[in-house]
Amino acid sequence: MIRLALLLLCLATSVAAQDYPSHPVRLVVPLSPGGFADTPTRILAPRLSEQFGKQFFVENKPGAGGTIGWDYVAKAAPDGYTLAITGATHIISSHLYKNLQYDVFKDFTHISMMASGPYVLVVNPKKTPANNVRELIAAAKAKPGAIDYASSGNGSSQHLVGALFNSMAGVQLNHVPYKGSGPAMQDLLAGEVGVSFAGVPNVLGQVRAGRLKALAVTTPKRWFELPDVPTMAEAGVPGYEATLWLSISGPAGMPKDIVQRLTTEIAKALKGTDLQAKFRDAGVEADAMSGDELVRYMHTEDAKWGKVVKETGATVN
């Protein structure tokens, strides 16, 4: 009887995978609309809808550095109809929030990498008149804690990228968290704060117009839209590297056939030249990676950002 039950379960799972998806699929973005995670997801969703023949739609569930949305997905049915956009912030949150109701590895099925890209260190030249990273470091050392940097919130990637800069540059920029990248950018442009580590699309127009000055990108290589802006390592902080990445995950226990189909179709979508161009306009590069490769990469990132949190004493206020 046990063998028969297992056989029937396997057959049911196989049939379910063949029919997947039979109704719309929710892509939960656990951050505010219009940000680093949201825009690429809204570019990818219509392509997946075309390929699968069923709608993939985006639902924003922001709050608590993304942990509200991820908790929601972790507790969802593992049937492939509720997926999450995960990434660097997903890993970072596990070190900042001490009472999470989920485990970032055990409670998720990590399906595929989606995109990666840089943040760019920018200053409002009227508020913080630094022409390069070395000048910013000198100003920060002259007046510890006097220069503010804006982020999209406590526990966000922007928060920790700044904390890593503080640690490696030996300075004390003061973290000012906002409820999203939009409000942070408004205050940066208004001169309420002088510095930010921002997504390229959010600042590119302002940099070109001269309202903000780009000092460095956080990735190991220069970004194609800012070819004259050095990497942080080139600009005077050797060894600094913070690549921001996005991935797609679901609840733990998803059927392997559904996971494999999602992985295949996501990789197919990311190969499209028009989608790649739209991703670049959004400040990221399409970056497919299988679930196994993704998990290995996540463990590397987990060790890195865990060390940053511990060494910098970064906290969620």
C-alpha atoms as a PDB file:
ATOM      1  CA  MET A   1       0.000   0.000   0.000  1.00  0.00           C
ATOM      2  CA  ILE A   2       2.838   2.369   0.854  1.00  0.00           C
ATOM      3  CA  ARG A   3       4.515   1.700  -2.497  1.00  0.00           C
ATOM      4  CA  LEU A   4       1.225   2.284  -4.315  1.00  0.00           C
ATOM      5  CA  ALA A   5       0.702   5.563  -2.474  1.00  0.00           C
ATOM      6  CA  LEU A   6       4.200   6.725  -3.374  1.00  0.00           C
ATOM      7  CA  LEU A   7       3.652   5.739  -7.004  1.00  0.00           C
ATOM      8  CA  LEU A   8       0.382   7.659  -7.146  1.00  0.00           C
ATOM      9  CA  LEU A   9       2.064  10.677  -5.544  1.00  0.00           C
ATOM     10  CA  CYS A  10       4.862  10.612  -8.111  1.00  0.00           C
ATOM     11  CA  LEU A  11       2.352  10.310 -10.957  1.00  0.00           C
ATOM     12  CA  ALA A  12       0.320  13.190  -9.580  1.00  0.00           C
ATOM     13  CA  THR A  13       3.438  15.345  -9.282  1.00  0.00           C
ATOM     14  CA  SER A  14       4.472  14.514 -12.851  1.00  0.00           C
ATOM     15  CA  VAL A  15       1.033  15.402 -14.214  1.00  0.00           C
ATOM     16  CA  ALA A  16       1.034  18.639 -12.208  1.00  0.00           C
ATOM     17  CA  ALA A  17       4.433  19.567 -13.645  1.00  0.00           C
ATOM     18  CA  GLN A  18       3.253  18.873 -17.204  1.00  0.00           C
ATOM     19  CA  ASP A  19       0.197  21.096 -16.673  1.00  0.00           C
ATOM     20  CA  TYR A  20       2.166  23.872 -14.963  1.00  0.00           C
ATOM     21  CA  PRO A  21       1.142  26.593 -14.914  1.00  0.00           C
ATOM     22  CA  SER A  22      -2.625  26.163 -15.122  1.00  0.00           C
ATOM     23  CA  HIS A  23      -3.309  29.611 -13.631  1.00  0.00           C
ATOM     24  CA  PRO A  24      -1.398  32.876 -13.047  1.00  0.00           C
ATOM     25  CA  VAL A  25       1.907  32.876 -11.189  1.00  0.00           C
ATOM     26  CA  ARG A  26       2.679  35.514  -8.579  1.00  0.00           C
ATOM     27  CA  LEU A  27       6.177  37.061  -8.506  1.00  0.00           C
ATOM     28  CA  VAL A  28       6.555  38.671  -5.092  1.00  0.00           C
ATOM     29  CA  VAL A  29       8.918  41.639  -4.988  1.00  0.00           C
ATOM     30  CA  PRO A  30       9.468  42.287  -1.272  1.00  0.00           C
ATOM     31  CA  LEU A  31      10.568  45.890  -1.861  1.00  0.00           C
ATOM     32  CA  SER A  32       8.932  49.089  -3.076  1.00  0.00           C
ATOM     33  CA  PRO A  33       7.884  49.614  -6.727  1.00  0.00           C
ATOM     34  CA  GLY A  34      10.397  51.164  -9.083  1.00  0.00           C
ATOM     35  CA  GLY A  35      13.562  50.019  -7.350  1.00  0.00           C
ATOM     36  CA  PHE A  36      16.515  47.785  -8.167  1.00  0.00           C
ATOM     37  CA  ALA A  37      14.484  44.572  -7.727  1.00  0.00           C
ATOM     38  CA  ASP A  38      11.143  45.746  -9.058  1.00  0.00           C
ATOM     39  CA  THR A  39      11.979  47.115 -12.502  1.00  0.00           C
ATOM     40  CA  PRO A  40      13.860  44.069 -13.894  1.00  0.00           C
ATOM     41  CA  THR A  41      11.115  41.787 -12.560  1.00  0.00           C
ATOM     42  CA  ARG A  42       8.488  43.786 -14.448  1.00  0.00           C
ATOM     43  CA  ILE A  43      10.607  43.427 -17.588  1.00  0.00           C
ATOM     44  CA  LEU A  44      10.953  39.661 -17.172  1.00  0.00           C
ATOM     45  CA  ALA A  45       7.349  38.890 -16.186  1.00  0.00           C
ATOM     46  CA  PRO A  46       5.724  39.524 -19.611  1.00  0.00           C
ATOM     47  CA  ARG A  47       8.357  37.377 -21.317  1.00  0.00           C
ATOM     48  CA  LEU A  48       7.656  34.470 -18.960  1.00  0.00           C
ATOM     49  CA  SER A  49       3.930  34.977 -19.563  1.00  0.00           C
ATOM     50  CA  GLU A  50       4.516  34.600 -23.303  1.00  0.00           C
ATOM     51  CA  GLN A  51       6.676  31.504 -22.923  1.00  0.00           C
ATOM     52  CA  PHE A  52       4.421  29.688 -20.445  1.00  0.00           C
ATOM     53  CA  GLY A  53       1.105  30.818 -21.894  1.00  0.00           C
ATOM     54  CA  LYS A  54      -0.123  31.950 -18.477  1.00  0.00           C
ATOM     55  CA  GLN A  55       0.267  35.274 -16.739  1.00  0.00           C
ATOM     56  CA  PHE A  56       3.244  35.954 -14.482  1.00  0.00           C
ATOM     57  CA  PHE A  57       2.360  39.048 -12.486  1.00  0.00           C
ATOM     58  CA  VAL A  58       4.309  41.198 -10.030  1.00  0.00           C
ATOM     59  CA  GLU A  59       3.066  41.858  -6.515  1.00  0.00           C
ATOM     60  CA  ASN A  60       4.970  44.192  -4.197  1.00  0.00           C
ATOM     61  CA  LYS A  61       5.059  43.255  -0.504  1.00  0.00           C
ATOM     62  CA  PRO A  62       7.559  45.733   0.988  1.00  0.00           C
ATOM     63  CA  GLY A  63       8.482  46.146   4.616  1.00  0.00           C
ATOM     64  CA  ALA A  64      11.165  45.282   7.171  1.00  0.00           C
ATOM     65  CA  GLY A  65      13.979  45.197   4.626  1.00  0.00           C
ATOM     66  CA  GLY A  66      12.168  42.661   2.444  1.00  0.00           C
ATOM     67  CA  THR A  67      11.596  40.128   5.212  1.00  0.00           C
ATOM     68  CA  ILE A  68       7.793  40.498   5.189  1.00  0.00           C
ATOM     69  CA  GLY A  69       7.587  39.443   1.556  1.00  0.00           C
ATOM     70  CA  TRP A  70      10.060  36.598   1.936  1.00  0.00           C
ATOM     71  CA  ASP A  71       8.253  35.299   4.996  1.00  0.00           C
ATOM     72  CA  TYR A  72       5.019  35.308   2.969  1.00  0.00           C
ATOM     73  CA  VAL A  73       6.584  33.235   0.195  1.00  0.00           C
ATOM     74  CA  ALA A  74       8.317  30.841   2.595  1.00  0.00           C
ATOM     75  CA  LYS A  75       4.902  29.979   4.038  1.00  0.00           C
ATOM     76  CA  ALA A  76       3.145  29.662   0.660  1.00  0.00           C
ATOM     77  CA  ALA A  77       2.206  26.350  -0.940  1.00  0.00           C
ATOM     78  CA  PRO A  78       5.259  24.888  -2.760  1.00  0.00           C
ATOM     79  CA  ASP A  79       3.362  24.486  -6.022  1.00  0.00           C
ATOM     80  CA  GLY A  80       5.223  27.022  -8.164  1.00  0.00           C
ATOM     81  CA  TYR A  81       2.455  29.629  -8.153  1.00  0.00           C
ATOM     82  CA  THR A  82       4.038  31.926  -5.566  1.00  0.00           C
ATOM     83  CA  LEU A  83       7.647  32.890  -6.238  1.00  0.00           C
ATOM     84  CA  ALA A  84       9.914  35.527  -4.720  1.00  0.00           C
ATOM     85  CA  ILE A  85      12.581  37.833  -6.011  1.00  0.00           C
ATOM     86  CA  THR A  86      15.527  37.158  -3.749  1.00  0.00           C
ATOM     87  CA  GLY A  87      19.091  38.419  -3.909  1.00  0.00           C
ATOM     88  CA  ALA A  88      21.788  40.158  -1.916  1.00  0.00           C
ATOM     89  CA  THR A  89      19.315  41.759   0.499  1.00  0.00           C
ATOM     90  CA  HIS A  90      17.778  38.335   1.185  1.00  0.00           C
ATOM     91  CA  ILE A  91      21.180  37.122   2.371  1.00  0.00           C
ATOM     92  CA  ILE A  92      22.000  40.309   4.266  1.00  0.00           C
ATOM     93  CA  SER A  93      18.700  40.241   6.178  1.00  0.00           C
ATOM     94  CA  SER A  94      19.565  36.916   7.790  1.00  0.00           C
ATOM     95  CA  HIS A  95      22.460  38.587   9.593  1.00  0.00           C
ATOM     96  CA  LEU A  96      20.671  41.792  10.550  1.00  0.00           C
ATOM     97  CA  TYR A  97      17.333  40.424  11.764  1.00  0.00           C
ATOM     98  CA  LYS A  98      17.707  38.114  14.737  1.00  0.00           C
ATOM     99  CA  ASN A  99      14.135  36.781  14.904  1.00  0.00           C
ATOM    100  CA  LEU A 100      13.347  35.792  11.335  1.00  0.00           C
ATOM    101  CA  GLN A 101      10.607  33.198  11.022  1.00  0.00           C
ATOM    102  CA  TYR A 102      12.353  31.509   8.098  1.00  0.00           C
ATOM    103  CA  ASP A 103      15.781  30.223   7.079  1.00  0.00           C
ATOM    104  CA  VAL A 104      17.114  31.801   3.883  1.00  0.00           C
ATOM    105  CA  PHE A 105      18.382  28.438   2.646  1.00  0.00           C
ATOM    106  CA  LYS A 106      16.234  25.697   4.200  1.00  0.00           C
ATOM    107  CA  ASP A 107      12.848  27.364   3.694  1.00  0.00           C
ATOM    108  CA  PHE A 108      13.269  28.210   0.012  1.00  0.00           C
ATOM    109  CA  THR A 109      13.770  26.504  -3.313  1.00  0.00           C
ATOM    110  CA  HIS A 110      16.337  28.675  -5.073  1.00  0.00           C
ATOM    111  CA  ILE A 111      15.553  28.403  -8.773  1.00  0.00           C
ATOM    112  CA  SER A 112      17.686  30.727 -10.883  1.00  0.00           C
ATOM    113  CA  MET A 113      19.854  33.812 -10.902  1.00  0.00           C
ATOM    114  CA  MET A 114      18.192  36.644 -12.798  1.00  0.00           C
ATOM    115  CA  ALA A 115      20.388  39.749 -12.949  1.00  0.00           C
ATOM    116  CA  SER A 116      23.370  41.524 -11.438  1.00  0.00           C
ATOM    117  CA  GLY A 117      24.748  45.028 -11.481  1.00  0.00           C
ATOM    118  CA  PRO A 118      26.478  47.811  -9.578  1.00  0.00           C
ATOM    119  CA  TYR A 119      25.582  50.537  -7.218  1.00  0.00           C
ATOM    120  CA  VAL A 120      27.278  53.849  -7.885  1.00  0.00           C
ATOM    121  CA  LEU A 121      28.659  56.082  -5.151  1.00  0.00           C
ATOM    122  CA  VAL A 122      27.237  59.544  -5.805  1.00  0.00           C
ATOM    123  CA  VAL A 123      27.419  62.858  -3.984  1.00  0.00           C
ATOM    124  CA  ASN A 124      25.355  66.010  -4.173  1.00  0.00           C
ATOM    125  CA  PRO A 125      28.167  68.450  -5.066  1.00  0.00           C
ATOM    126  CA  LYS A 126      26.424  71.341  -3.298  1.00  0.00           C
ATOM    127  CA  LYS A 127      26.156  69.351  -0.055  1.00  0.00           C
ATOM    128  CA  THR A 128      29.335  67.254  -0.258  1.00  0.00           C
ATOM    129  CA  PRO A 129      31.782  68.840  -2.718  1.00  0.00           C
ATOM    130  CA  ALA A 130      34.084  65.843  -3.248  1.00  0.00           C
ATOM    131  CA  ASN A 131      35.497  65.324  -6.734  1.00  0.00           C
ATOM    132  CA  ASN A 132      36.647  61.772  -6.139  1.00  0.00           C
ATOM    133  CA  VAL A 133      36.626  58.984  -3.554  1.00  0.00           C
ATOM    134  CA  ARG A 134      39.909  60.062  -1.976  1.00  0.00           C
ATOM    135  CA  GLU A 135      38.518  63.549  -1.341  1.00  0.00           C
ATOM    136  CA  LEU A 136      35.351  62.056   0.181  1.00  0.00           C
ATOM    137  CA  ILE A 137      37.443  59.860   2.474  1.00  0.00           C
ATOM    138  CA  ALA A 138      39.566  62.838   3.536  1.00  0.00           C
ATOM    139  CA  ALA A 139      36.456  64.910   4.310  1.00  0.00           C
ATOM    140  CA  ALA A 140      34.905  62.048   6.252  1.00  0.00           C
ATOM    141  CA  LYS A 141      38.052  61.498   8.317  1.00  0.00           C
ATOM    142  CA  ALA A 142      38.278  65.215   9.072  1.00  0.00           C
ATOM    143  CA  LYS A 143      34.747  65.220  10.542  1.00  0.00           C
ATOM    144  CA  PRO A 144      33.755  61.662  11.611  1.00  0.00           C
ATOM    145  CA  GLY A 145      29.983  61.133  11.499  1.00  0.00           C
ATOM    146  CA  ALA A 146      29.273  64.529   9.932  1.00  0.00           C
ATOM    147  CA  ILE A 147      28.565  63.239   6.403  1.00  0.00           C
ATOM    148  CA  ASP A 148      25.256  61.413   5.898  1.00  0.00           C
ATOM    149  CA  TYR A 149      24.588  58.689   3.367  1.00  0.00           C
ATOM    150  CA  ALA A 150      21.058  57.777   2.324  1.00  0.00           C
ATOM    151  CA  SER A 151      19.772  54.261   1.771  1.00  0.00           C
ATOM    152  CA  SER A 152      16.439  52.681   0.867  1.00  0.00           C
ATOM    153  CA  GLY A 153      16.084  51.349   4.410  1.00  0.00           C
ATOM    154  CA  ASN A 154      17.628  49.537   7.329  1.00  0.00           C
ATOM    155  CA  GLY A 155      18.964  46.175   6.208  1.00  0.00           C
ATOM    156  CA  SER A 156      18.899  47.088   2.523  1.00  0.00           C
ATOM    157  CA  SER A 157      21.768  46.396   0.167  1.00  0.00           C
ATOM    158  CA  GLN A 158      22.431  50.132   0.027  1.00  0.00           C
ATOM    159  CA  HIS A 159      22.806  50.141   3.811  1.00  0.00           C
ATOM    160  CA  LEU A 160      25.386  47.341   3.832  1.00  0.00           C
ATOM    161  CA  VAL A 161      27.260  48.566   0.758  1.00  0.00           C
ATOM    162  CA  GLY A 162      27.780  51.801   2.687  1.00  0.00           C
ATOM    163  CA  ALA A 163      28.760  49.909   5.830  1.00  0.00           C
ATOM    164  CA  LEU A 164      31.348  47.981   3.807  1.00  0.00           C
ATOM    165  CA  PHE A 165      32.706  51.283   2.488  1.00  0.00           C
ATOM    166  CA  ASN A 166      32.963  52.664   6.025  1.00  0.00           C
ATOM    167  CA  SER A 167      34.862  49.591   7.141  1.00  0.00           C
ATOM    168  CA  MET A 168      37.274  49.361   4.223  1.00  0.00           C
ATOM    169  CA  ALA A 169      37.896  53.109   3.885  1.00  0.00           C
ATOM    170  CA  GLY A 170      38.238  53.642   7.627  1.00  0.00           C
ATOM    171  CA  VAL A 171      35.547  56.345   7.806  1.00  0.00           C
ATOM    172  CA  GLN A 172      32.271  56.977   9.626  1.00  0.00           C
ATOM    173  CA  LEU A 173      29.638  58.070   7.143  1.00  0.00           C
ATOM    174  CA  ASN A 174      26.340  58.358   9.030  1.00  0.00           C
ATOM    175  CA  HIS A 175      23.621  56.023   7.747  1.00  0.00           C
ATOM    176  CA  VAL A 176      20.220  57.640   7.123  1.00  0.00           C
ATOM    177  CA  PRO A 177      17.581  55.026   6.197  1.00  0.00           C
ATOM    178  CA  TYR A 178      14.508  55.899   4.119  1.00  0.00           C
ATOM    179  CA  LYS A 179      11.363  53.967   3.223  1.00  0.00           C
ATOM    180  CA  GLY A 180      12.465  53.182  -0.296  1.00  0.00           C
ATOM    181  CA  SER A 181      14.976  54.436  -2.846  1.00  0.00           C
ATOM    182  CA  GLY A 182      12.586  57.113  -4.131  1.00  0.00           C
ATOM    183  CA  PRO A 183      12.443  59.177  -0.915  1.00  0.00           C
ATOM    184  CA  ALA A 184      16.193  58.686  -0.428  1.00  0.00           C
ATOM    185  CA  MET A 185      16.849  60.089  -3.896  1.00  0.00           C
ATOM    186  CA  GLN A 186      14.539  63.063  -3.291  1.00  0.00           C
ATOM    187  CA  ASP A 187      16.468  64.098  -0.189  1.00  0.00           C
ATOM    188  CA  LEU A 188      19.810  63.514  -1.883  1.00  0.00           C
ATOM    189  CA  LEU A 189      18.822  65.855  -4.735  1.00  0.00           C
ATOM    190  CA  ALA A 190      17.431  68.372  -2.256  1.00  0.00           C
ATOM    191  CA  GLY A 191      20.708  68.378  -0.340  1.00  0.00           C
ATOM    192  CA  GLU A 192      19.225  67.005   2.880  1.00  0.00           C
ATOM    193  CA  VAL A 193      21.875  64.263   2.671  1.00  0.00           C
ATOM    194  CA  GLY A 194      25.111  64.406   0.726  1.00  0.00           C
ATOM    195  CA  VAL A 195      25.975  60.851  -0.287  1.00  0.00           C
ATOM    196  CA  SER A 196      24.308  57.655  -1.492  1.00  0.00           C
ATOM    197  CA  PHE A 197      25.147  54.279  -2.990  1.00  0.00           C
ATOM    198  CA  ALA A 198      22.386  54.230  -5.596  1.00  0.00           C
ATOM    199  CA  GLY A 199      21.180  52.079  -8.470  1.00  0.00           C
ATOM    200  CA  VAL A 200      22.505  53.307 -11.815  1.00  0.00           C
ATOM    201  CA  PRO A 201      19.069  54.034 -13.388  1.00  0.00           C
ATOM    202  CA  ASN A 202      18.068  56.148 -10.393  1.00  0.00           C
ATOM    203  CA  VAL A 203      21.002  58.518 -10.804  1.00  0.00           C
ATOM    204  CA  LEU A 204      22.154  58.319 -14.424  1.00  0.00           C
ATOM    205  CA  GLY A 205      20.092  61.282 -15.636  1.00  0.00           C
ATOM    206  CA  GLN A 206      21.025  63.355 -12.604  1.00  0.00           C
ATOM    207  CA  VAL A 207      24.730  62.579 -13.083  1.00  0.00           C
ATOM    208  CA  ARG A 208      24.600  63.548 -16.751  1.00  0.00           C
ATOM    209  CA  ALA A 209      22.770  66.766 -15.829  1.00  0.00           C
ATOM    210  CA  GLY A 210      25.437  67.627 -13.231  1.00  0.00           C
ATOM    211  CA  ARG A 211      23.067  67.572 -10.268  1.00  0.00           C
ATOM    212  CA  LEU A 212      24.919  64.567  -8.822  1.00  0.00           C
ATOM    213  CA  LYS A 213      28.555  63.527  -9.185  1.00  0.00           C
ATOM    214  CA  ALA A 214      29.442  59.856  -9.623  1.00  0.00           C
ATOM    215  CA  LEU A 215      32.632  58.937  -7.791  1.00  0.00           C
ATOM    216  CA  ALA A 216      32.844  55.142  -8.247  1.00  0.00           C
ATOM    217  CA  VAL A 217      30.913  51.984  -9.085  1.00  0.00           C
ATOM    218  CA  THR A 218      30.843  49.083  -6.653  1.00  0.00           C
ATOM    219  CA  THR A 219      31.498  46.254  -9.130  1.00  0.00           C
ATOM    220  CA  PRO A 220      34.953  44.866 -10.062  1.00  0.00           C
ATOM    221  CA  LYS A 221      34.575  46.266 -13.604  1.00  0.00           C
ATOM    222  CA  ARG A 222      33.432  49.667 -14.835  1.00  0.00           C
ATOM    223  CA  TRP A 223      29.811  50.009 -15.930  1.00  0.00           C
ATOM    224  CA  PHE A 224      29.244  50.548 -19.663  1.00  0.00           C
ATOM    225  CA  GLU A 225      26.925  53.554 -19.167  1.00  0.00           C
ATOM    226  CA  LEU A 226      29.475  55.281 -16.928  1.00  0.00           C
ATOM    227  CA  PRO A 227      32.748  54.405 -18.656  1.00  0.00           C
ATOM    228  CA  ASP A 228      34.656  57.327 -17.113  1.00  0.00           C
ATOM    229  CA  VAL A 229      33.627  56.449 -13.554  1.00  0.00           C
ATOM    230  CA  PRO A 230      36.252  54.247 -11.851  1.00  0.00           C
ATOM    231  CA  THR A 231      35.604  51.160  -9.784  1.00  0.00           C
ATOM    232  CA  MET A 232      35.913  51.589  -6.041  1.00  0.00           C
ATOM    233  CA  ALA A 233      39.191  49.656  -6.117  1.00  0.00           C
ATOM    234  CA  GLU A 234      40.560  51.970  -8.825  1.00  0.00           C
ATOM    235  CA  ALA A 235      39.334  55.015  -6.897  1.00  0.00           C
ATOM    236  CA  GLY A 236      41.277  54.280  -3.749  1.00  0.00           C
ATOM    237  CA  VAL A 237      39.641  51.458  -1.782  1.00  0.00           C
ATOM    238  CA  PRO A 238      41.589  48.322  -2.801  1.00  0.00           C
ATOM    239  CA  GLY A 239      39.666  45.069  -2.568  1.00  0.00           C
ATOM    240  CA  TYR A 240      36.248  46.706  -2.377  1.00  0.00           C
ATOM    241  CA  GLU A 241      33.615  44.810  -4.365  1.00  0.00           C
ATOM    242  CA  ALA A 242      29.857  44.670  -3.972  1.00  0.00           C
ATOM    243  CA  THR A 243      27.883  43.207  -6.846  1.00  0.00           C
ATOM    244  CA  LEU A 244      24.135  43.516  -6.374  1.00  0.00           C
ATOM    245  CA  TRP A 245      22.229  40.551  -7.715  1.00  0.00           C
ATOM    246  CA  LEU A 246      18.675  39.307  -8.093  1.00  0.00           C
ATOM    247  CA  SER A 247      17.401  35.748  -8.163  1.00  0.00           C
ATOM    248  CA  ILE A 248      14.107  33.859  -8.268  1.00  0.00           C
ATOM    249  CA  SER A 249      13.092  31.490  -5.482  1.00  0.00           C
ATOM    250  CA  GLY A 250      10.028  29.668  -4.227  1.00  0.00           C
ATOM    251  CA  PRO A 251       8.998  27.879  -1.048  1.00  0.00           C
ATOM    252  CA  ALA A 252      10.948  24.798   0.010  1.00  0.00           C
ATOM    253  CA  GLY A 253       9.714  21.511  -1.389  1.00  0.00           C
ATOM    254  CA  MET A 254       8.731  22.558  -4.908  1.00  0.00           C
ATOM    255  CA  PRO A 255       8.432  19.661  -7.414  1.00  0.00           C
ATOM    256  CA  LYS A 256      11.700  19.121  -9.248  1.00  0.00           C
ATOM    257  CA  ASP A 257       9.997  19.039 -12.659  1.00  0.00           C
ATOM    258  CA  ILE A 258       8.468  22.471 -12.091  1.00  0.00           C
ATOM    259  CA  VAL A 259      11.777  23.852 -10.829  1.00  0.00           C
ATOM    260  CA  GLN A 260      13.578  22.510 -13.885  1.00  0.00           C
ATOM    261  CA  ARG A 261      11.019  23.991 -16.261  1.00  0.00           C
ATOM    262  CA  LEU A 262      11.228  27.367 -14.554  1.00  0.00           C
ATOM    263  CA  THR A 263      15.031  27.278 -14.697  1.00  0.00           C
ATOM    264  CA  THR A 264      14.983  26.440 -18.409  1.00  0.00           C
ATOM    265  CA  GLU A 265      12.406  29.084 -19.337  1.00  0.00           C
ATOM    266  CA  ILE A 266      14.052  31.810 -17.259  1.00  0.00           C
ATOM    267  CA  ALA A 267      17.398  31.089 -18.946  1.00  0.00           C
ATOM    268  CA  LYS A 268      15.667  31.220 -22.344  1.00  0.00           C
ATOM    269  CA  ALA A 269      14.054  34.554 -21.530  1.00  0.00           C
ATOM    270  CA  LEU A 270      17.333  36.048 -20.329  1.00  0.00           C
ATOM    271  CA  LYS A 271      19.013  35.200 -23.641  1.00  0.00           C
ATOM    272  CA  GLY A 272      16.692  37.523 -25.557  1.00  0.00           C
ATOM    273  CA  THR A 273      18.652  40.485 -26.942  1.00  0.00           C
ATOM    274  CA  ASP A 274      15.728  42.875 -26.493  1.00  0.00           C
ATOM    275  CA  LEU A 275      15.284  41.813 -22.868  1.00  0.00           C
ATOM    276  CA  GLN A 276      19.012  42.183 -22.262  1.00  0.00           C
ATOM    277  CA  ALA A 277      18.860  45.727 -23.634  1.00  0.00           C
ATOM    278  CA  LYS A 278      15.934  46.568 -21.345  1.00  0.00           C
ATOM    279  CA  PHE A 279      17.803  45.116 -18.386  1.00  0.00           C
ATOM    280  CA  ARG A 280      20.812  47.317 -19.139  1.00  0.00           C
ATOM    281  CA  ASP A 281      18.521  50.336 -19.269  1.00  0.00           C
ATOM    282  CA  ALA A 282      17.356  49.263 -15.791  1.00  0.00           C
ATOM    283  CA  GLY A 283      20.956  49.183 -14.549  1.00  0.00           C
ATOM    284  CA  VAL A 284      21.533  45.422 -14.495  1.00  0.00           C
ATOM    285  CA  GLU A 285      22.892  42.667 -16.717  1.00  0.00           C
ATOM    286  CA  ALA A 286      20.905  39.513 -17.432  1.00  0.00           C
ATOM    287  CA  ASP A 287      22.667  36.753 -15.506  1.00  0.00           C
ATOM    288  CA  ALA A 288      21.246  33.232 -15.733  1.00  0.00           C
ATOM    289  CA  MET A 289      22.471  30.620 -13.282  1.00  0.00           C
ATOM    290  CA  SER A 290      21.012  27.245 -12.314  1.00  0.00           C
ATOM    291  CA  GLY A 291      19.631  26.556  -8.854  1.00  0.00           C
ATOM    292  CA  ASP A 292      22.670  24.545  -7.747  1.00  0.00           C
ATOM    293  CA  GLU A 293      25.080  27.226  -8.981  1.00  0.00           C
ATOM    294  CA  LEU A 294      22.946  29.883  -7.321  1.00  0.00           C
ATOM    295  CA  VAL A 295      22.993  28.158  -3.948  1.00  0.00           C
ATOM    296  CA  ARG A 296      26.788  27.842  -4.071  1.00  0.00           C
ATOM    297  CA  TYR A 297      27.062  31.532  -4.905  1.00  0.00           C
ATOM    298  CA  MET A 298      24.626  32.415  -2.115  1.00  0.00           C
ATOM    299  CA  HIS A 299      26.762  30.590   0.434  1.00  0.00           C
ATOM    300  CA  THR A 300      29.766  32.653  -0.691  1.00  0.00           C
ATOM    301  CA  GLU A 301      27.726  35.855  -0.346  1.00  0.00           C
ATOM    302  CA  ASP A 302      26.401  34.684   3.023  1.00  0.00           C
ATOM    303  CA  ALA A 303      29.940  34.378   4.380  1.00  0.00           C
ATOM    304  CA  LYS A 304      30.916  37.749   2.949  1.00  0.00           C
ATOM    305  CA  TRP A 305      27.984  39.815   4.225  1.00  0.00           C
ATOM    306  CA  GLY A 306      27.885  37.990   7.543  1.00  0.00           C
ATOM    307  CA  LYS A 307      31.468  39.123   8.072  1.00  0.00           C
ATOM    308  CA  VAL A 308      30.560  42.702   7.072  1.00  0.00           C
ATOM    309  CA  VAL A 309      27.688  42.815   9.573  1.00  0.00           C
ATOM    310  CA  LYS A 310      29.848  41.398  12.343  1.00  0.00           C
ATOM    311  CA  GLU A 311      32.873  43.612  11.691  1.00  0.00           C
ATOM    312  CA  THR A 312      30.946  46.841  11.146  1.00  0.00           C
ATOM    313  CA  GLY A 313      28.377  46.315  13.866  1.00  0.00           C
ATOM    314  CA  ALA A 314      25.628  47.200  11.371  1.00  0.00           C
ATOM    315  CA  THR A 315      22.218  46.987  12.975  1.00  0.00           C
ATOM    316  CA  VAL A 316      18.574  47.465  12.118  1.00  0.00           C
ATOM    317  CA  ASN A 317      17.302  50.513  14.004  1.00  0.00           C
END
